[in-house]
Amino acid sequence: MSLLSFKHTGNNAMCEEEVSRPAGYASRRHMKTQGEIESAIAEGMGRFELEYMGRGPKAVHAHLIGNLVVVRLQGVLTAAEQHLVKTLPADKGRELLKEVRNHLIEIARPTMEAMVEGITEVKIISLHHDISTITGEEVVLFTLEKPPVFREAKKR
């Protein structure tokens, strides 16, 4: 990757030369804070739920802990899923819902991984998922190859 260096002369900015930077280089000014990374992942996962599952979560929070990204989505069950869990025998409804959700997650896995990799700029090693049929809470855990690089937030 190469960046252009600019020479400022009065009101004009002129391109002076091309400066080479190592792959994966991000200037501190363009580097995200931990909060910005978490917020972008939470927003992306909320959009994913809405587009792929047909219903957005009531709340979504993402937490970056070392090389782990933990996403907690609350209120994700559709009305049909809630009805299914209530009307079928407890174990059967729960198993069926989890099986369908796991299958959908596996189908959409490349999309979710690409979204998280694009935000963190780190390769995903694994993804784990579970959903509670009682609370309607879903947890998605991404294991990253290494902790992402981020800048410290400015103190107010």
C-alpha atoms as a PDB file:
ATOM      1  CA  MET A   1       0.000   0.000   0.000  1.00  0.00           C
ATOM      2  CA  SER A   2       1.249   3.448  -0.712  1.00  0.00           C
ATOM      3  CA  LEU A   3       0.077   6.791   0.533  1.00  0.00           C
ATOM      4  CA  LEU A   4       0.553  10.194  -0.956  1.00  0.00           C
ATOM      5  CA  SER A   5       2.458  12.802   0.966  1.00  0.00           C
ATOM      6  CA  PHE A   6       1.213  16.376   0.556  1.00  0.00           C
ATOM      7  CA  LYS A   7       3.167  19.592   0.636  1.00  0.00           C
ATOM      8  CA  HIS A   8       1.130  22.575   1.766  1.00  0.00           C
ATOM      9  CA  THR A   9       1.910  25.886   0.092  1.00  0.00           C
ATOM     10  CA  GLY A  10      -0.410  28.669   1.110  1.00  0.00           C
ATOM     11  CA  ASN A  11      -3.966  27.739   0.149  1.00  0.00           C
ATOM     12  CA  ASN A  12      -2.853  24.968  -2.206  1.00  0.00           C
ATOM     13  CA  ALA A  13      -1.947  21.404  -1.335  1.00  0.00           C
ATOM     14  CA  MET A  14       0.369  19.742  -3.811  1.00  0.00           C
ATOM     15  CA  CYS A  15       1.190  16.048  -4.024  1.00  0.00           C
ATOM     16  CA  GLU A  16       4.875  15.756  -3.256  1.00  0.00           C
ATOM     17  CA  GLU A  17       5.658  12.014  -3.405  1.00  0.00           C
ATOM     18  CA  GLU A  18       4.303   8.563  -2.830  1.00  0.00           C
ATOM     19  CA  VAL A  19       5.249   7.074   0.552  1.00  0.00           C
ATOM     20  CA  SER A  20       5.262   3.312   0.975  1.00  0.00           C
ATOM     21  CA  ARG A  21       3.569   1.794   4.063  1.00  0.00           C
ATOM     22  CA  PRO A  22       3.536  -1.830   5.189  1.00  0.00           C
ATOM     23  CA  ALA A  23       0.425  -3.927   4.512  1.00  0.00           C
ATOM     24  CA  GLY A  24      -2.175  -3.513   7.254  1.00  0.00           C
ATOM     25  CA  TYR A  25      -0.824  -0.100   8.214  1.00  0.00           C
ATOM     26  CA  ALA A  26      -3.370   2.349   9.570  1.00  0.00           C
ATOM     27  CA  SER A  27      -2.474   5.781  10.792  1.00  0.00           C
ATOM     28  CA  ARG A  28      -3.480   6.483  14.402  1.00  0.00           C
ATOM     29  CA  ARG A  29      -5.838   9.147  13.122  1.00  0.00           C
ATOM     30  CA  HIS A  30      -7.833   6.554  11.118  1.00  0.00           C
ATOM     31  CA  MET A  31      -7.519   3.726  13.657  1.00  0.00           C
ATOM     32  CA  LYS A  32     -10.719   2.911  15.565  1.00  0.00           C
ATOM     33  CA  THR A  33     -11.097   2.948  19.330  1.00  0.00           C
ATOM     34  CA  GLN A  34     -12.254  -0.187  21.155  1.00  0.00           C
ATOM     35  CA  GLY A  35     -15.682   1.416  21.595  1.00  0.00           C
ATOM     36  CA  GLU A  36     -15.938   2.201  17.876  1.00  0.00           C
ATOM     37  CA  ILE A  37     -15.087  -1.415  17.016  1.00  0.00           C
ATOM     38  CA  GLU A  38     -17.664  -2.747  19.493  1.00  0.00           C
ATOM     39  CA  SER A  39     -20.308  -0.307  18.266  1.00  0.00           C
ATOM     40  CA  ALA A  40     -19.740  -1.182  14.594  1.00  0.00           C
ATOM     41  CA  ILE A  41     -19.970  -4.917  15.334  1.00  0.00           C
ATOM     42  CA  ALA A  42     -23.145  -4.447  17.391  1.00  0.00           C
ATOM     43  CA  GLU A  43     -24.716  -2.402  14.591  1.00  0.00           C
ATOM     44  CA  GLY A  44     -23.677  -4.985  11.974  1.00  0.00           C
ATOM     45  CA  MET A  45     -25.064  -7.888  14.007  1.00  0.00           C
ATOM     46  CA  GLY A  46     -28.343  -6.012  14.513  1.00  0.00           C
ATOM     47  CA  ARG A  47     -28.621  -5.477  10.741  1.00  0.00           C
ATOM     48  CA  PHE A  48     -27.763  -9.148  10.169  1.00  0.00           C
ATOM     49  CA  GLU A  49     -30.604 -10.279  12.476  1.00  0.00           C
ATOM     50  CA  LEU A  50     -33.046  -7.979  10.720  1.00  0.00           C
ATOM     51  CA  GLU A  51     -32.039  -8.988   7.187  1.00  0.00           C
ATOM     52  CA  TYR A  52     -31.431 -12.731   7.673  1.00  0.00           C
ATOM     53  CA  MET A  53     -33.849 -13.609  10.468  1.00  0.00           C
ATOM     54  CA  GLY A  54     -36.598 -11.126   9.638  1.00  0.00           C
ATOM     55  CA  ARG A  55     -36.566  -9.363  12.992  1.00  0.00           C
ATOM     56  CA  GLY A  56     -34.034  -7.081  14.615  1.00  0.00           C
ATOM     57  CA  PRO A  57     -33.062  -7.543  18.260  1.00  0.00           C
ATOM     58  CA  LYS A  58     -34.509  -5.335  20.990  1.00  0.00           C
ATOM     59  CA  ALA A  59     -30.958  -4.715  22.230  1.00  0.00           C
ATOM     60  CA  VAL A  60     -27.494  -5.703  21.049  1.00  0.00           C
ATOM     61  CA  HIS A  61     -24.126  -5.277  22.761  1.00  0.00           C
ATOM     62  CA  ALA A  62     -20.668  -6.288  21.546  1.00  0.00           C
ATOM     63  CA  HIS A  63     -17.647  -6.647  23.808  1.00  0.00           C
ATOM     64  CA  LEU A  64     -14.035  -6.967  22.706  1.00  0.00           C
ATOM     65  CA  ILE A  65     -12.034  -8.986  25.234  1.00  0.00           C
ATOM     66  CA  GLY A  66      -8.513  -9.696  24.005  1.00  0.00           C
ATOM     67  CA  ASN A  67      -8.946 -11.846  20.894  1.00  0.00           C
ATOM     68  CA  LEU A  68     -12.626 -12.589  21.615  1.00  0.00           C
ATOM     69  CA  VAL A  69     -15.670 -10.681  20.396  1.00  0.00           C
ATOM     70  CA  VAL A  70     -18.772 -11.473  22.449  1.00  0.00           C
ATOM     71  CA  VAL A  71     -22.084 -10.314  20.983  1.00  0.00           C
ATOM     72  CA  ARG A  72     -25.239 -10.450  23.111  1.00  0.00           C
ATOM     73  CA  LEU A  73     -28.542  -9.947  21.312  1.00  0.00           C
ATOM     74  CA  GLN A  74     -31.710  -9.627  23.364  1.00  0.00           C
ATOM     75  CA  GLY A  75     -35.268 -10.115  22.125  1.00  0.00           C
ATOM     76  CA  VAL A  76     -34.431 -11.958  18.909  1.00  0.00           C
ATOM     77  CA  LEU A  77     -37.225 -14.545  18.744  1.00  0.00           C
ATOM     78  CA  THR A  78     -39.871 -13.914  16.097  1.00  0.00           C
ATOM     79  CA  ALA A  79     -43.557 -14.281  17.006  1.00  0.00           C
ATOM     80  CA  ALA A  80     -43.610 -17.588  15.088  1.00  0.00           C
ATOM     81  CA  GLU A  81     -40.597 -18.895  17.040  1.00  0.00           C
ATOM     82  CA  GLN A  82     -42.155 -17.880  20.356  1.00  0.00           C
ATOM     83  CA  HIS A  83     -45.396 -19.637  19.400  1.00  0.00           C
ATOM     84  CA  LEU A  84     -43.494 -22.757  18.308  1.00  0.00           C
ATOM     85  CA  VAL A  85     -41.647 -22.975  21.627  1.00  0.00           C
ATOM     86  CA  LYS A  86     -44.870 -22.492  23.630  1.00  0.00           C
ATOM     87  CA  THR A  87     -47.076 -24.940  21.715  1.00  0.00           C
ATOM     88  CA  LEU A  88     -44.758 -27.908  21.158  1.00  0.00           C
ATOM     89  CA  PRO A  89     -43.564 -30.118  24.009  1.00  0.00           C
ATOM     90  CA  ALA A  90     -40.746 -28.252  25.810  1.00  0.00           C
ATOM     91  CA  ASP A  91     -37.794 -30.314  24.565  1.00  0.00           C
ATOM     92  CA  LYS A  92     -39.096 -30.702  21.022  1.00  0.00           C
ATOM     93  CA  GLY A  93     -39.823 -26.984  20.498  1.00  0.00           C
ATOM     94  CA  ARG A  94     -36.488 -25.964  21.972  1.00  0.00           C
ATOM     95  CA  GLU A  95     -34.518 -28.495  19.904  1.00  0.00           C
ATOM     96  CA  LEU A  96     -36.315 -27.562  16.684  1.00  0.00           C
ATOM     97  CA  LEU A  97     -35.751 -23.834  17.200  1.00  0.00           C
ATOM     98  CA  LYS A  98     -32.069 -24.285  18.050  1.00  0.00           C
ATOM     99  CA  GLU A  99     -31.557 -26.602  15.070  1.00  0.00           C
ATOM    100  CA  VAL A 100     -33.129 -24.109  12.651  1.00  0.00           C
ATOM    101  CA  ARG A 101     -31.228 -21.134  14.122  1.00  0.00           C
ATOM    102  CA  ASN A 102     -27.920 -23.030  14.043  1.00  0.00           C
ATOM    103  CA  HIS A 103     -28.531 -23.992  10.414  1.00  0.00           C
ATOM    104  CA  LEU A 104     -29.270 -20.365   9.479  1.00  0.00           C
ATOM    105  CA  ILE A 105     -26.141 -19.180  11.302  1.00  0.00           C
ATOM    106  CA  GLU A 106     -24.008 -21.742   9.436  1.00  0.00           C
ATOM    107  CA  ILE A 107     -25.440 -20.605   6.087  1.00  0.00           C
ATOM    108  CA  ALA A 108     -24.792 -16.933   6.899  1.00  0.00           C
ATOM    109  CA  ARG A 109     -21.484 -17.568   8.660  1.00  0.00           C
ATOM    110  CA  PRO A 110     -19.291 -16.221   5.808  1.00  0.00           C
ATOM    111  CA  THR A 111     -21.277 -12.967   5.826  1.00  0.00           C
ATOM    112  CA  MET A 112     -20.947 -12.501   9.600  1.00  0.00           C
ATOM    113  CA  GLU A 113     -17.258 -13.396   9.585  1.00  0.00           C
ATOM    114  CA  ALA A 114     -16.551 -10.991   6.708  1.00  0.00           C
ATOM    115  CA  MET A 115     -18.341  -8.214   8.588  1.00  0.00           C
ATOM    116  CA  VAL A 116     -16.357  -8.779  11.814  1.00  0.00           C
ATOM    117  CA  GLU A 117     -13.070  -9.221   9.912  1.00  0.00           C
ATOM    118  CA  GLY A 118     -13.721  -5.996   8.012  1.00  0.00           C
ATOM    119  CA  ILE A 119     -14.278  -4.078  11.242  1.00  0.00           C
ATOM    120  CA  THR A 120     -11.473  -5.619  13.340  1.00  0.00           C
ATOM    121  CA  GLU A 121      -9.048  -6.190  10.447  1.00  0.00           C
ATOM    122  CA  VAL A 122      -8.251  -9.577  12.033  1.00  0.00           C
ATOM    123  CA  LYS A 123      -8.985 -13.073  10.688  1.00  0.00           C
ATOM    124  CA  ILE A 124     -11.736 -15.080  12.425  1.00  0.00           C
ATOM    125  CA  ILE A 125     -10.615 -18.475  13.750  1.00  0.00           C
ATOM    126  CA  SER A 126     -13.954 -19.744  15.055  1.00  0.00           C
ATOM    127  CA  LEU A 127     -17.551 -18.801  15.731  1.00  0.00           C
ATOM    128  CA  HIS A 128     -19.781 -20.152  18.509  1.00  0.00           C
ATOM    129  CA  HIS A 129     -23.496 -19.528  18.873  1.00  0.00           C
ATOM    130  CA  ASP A 130     -26.331 -20.293  21.278  1.00  0.00           C
ATOM    131  CA  ILE A 131     -29.864 -19.043  21.850  1.00  0.00           C
ATOM    132  CA  SER A 132     -32.172 -19.223  24.857  1.00  0.00           C
ATOM    133  CA  THR A 133     -35.734 -20.191  24.006  1.00  0.00           C
ATOM    134  CA  ILE A 134     -36.827 -18.939  27.430  1.00  0.00           C
ATOM    135  CA  THR A 135     -35.369 -15.407  27.404  1.00  0.00           C
ATOM    136  CA  GLY A 136     -35.024 -14.888  23.641  1.00  0.00           C
ATOM    137  CA  GLU A 137     -31.373 -13.993  24.169  1.00  0.00           C
ATOM    138  CA  GLU A 138     -28.734 -14.991  21.641  1.00  0.00           C
ATOM    139  CA  VAL A 139     -24.967 -15.047  22.151  1.00  0.00           C
ATOM    140  CA  VAL A 140     -22.410 -15.148  19.348  1.00  0.00           C
ATOM    141  CA  LEU A 141     -18.718 -15.524  20.148  1.00  0.00           C
ATOM    142  CA  PHE A 142     -16.012 -14.852  17.576  1.00  0.00           C
ATOM    143  CA  THR A 143     -12.447 -16.001  18.242  1.00  0.00           C
ATOM    144  CA  LEU A 144      -9.955 -13.806  16.397  1.00  0.00           C
ATOM    145  CA  GLU A 145      -6.487 -14.818  15.258  1.00  0.00           C
ATOM    146  CA  LYS A 146      -5.054 -12.055  17.472  1.00  0.00           C
ATOM    147  CA  PRO A 147      -6.382  -9.067  19.410  1.00  0.00           C
ATOM    148  CA  PRO A 148      -7.238  -6.183  17.071  1.00  0.00           C
ATOM    149  CA  VAL A 149      -5.186  -3.015  17.198  1.00  0.00           C
ATOM    150  CA  PHE A 150      -7.084   0.031  18.396  1.00  0.00           C
ATOM    151  CA  ARG A 151      -6.263   3.483  19.649  1.00  0.00           C
ATOM    152  CA  GLU A 152      -7.052   4.722  23.114  1.00  0.00           C
ATOM    153  CA  ALA A 153     -10.174   6.850  23.398  1.00  0.00           C
ATOM    154  CA  LYS A 154      -9.609  10.520  24.136  1.00  0.00           C
ATOM    155  CA  LYS A 155     -10.263  11.447  27.748  1.00  0.00           C
ATOM    156  CA  ARG A 156     -12.973  14.057  28.261  1.00  0.00           C
END
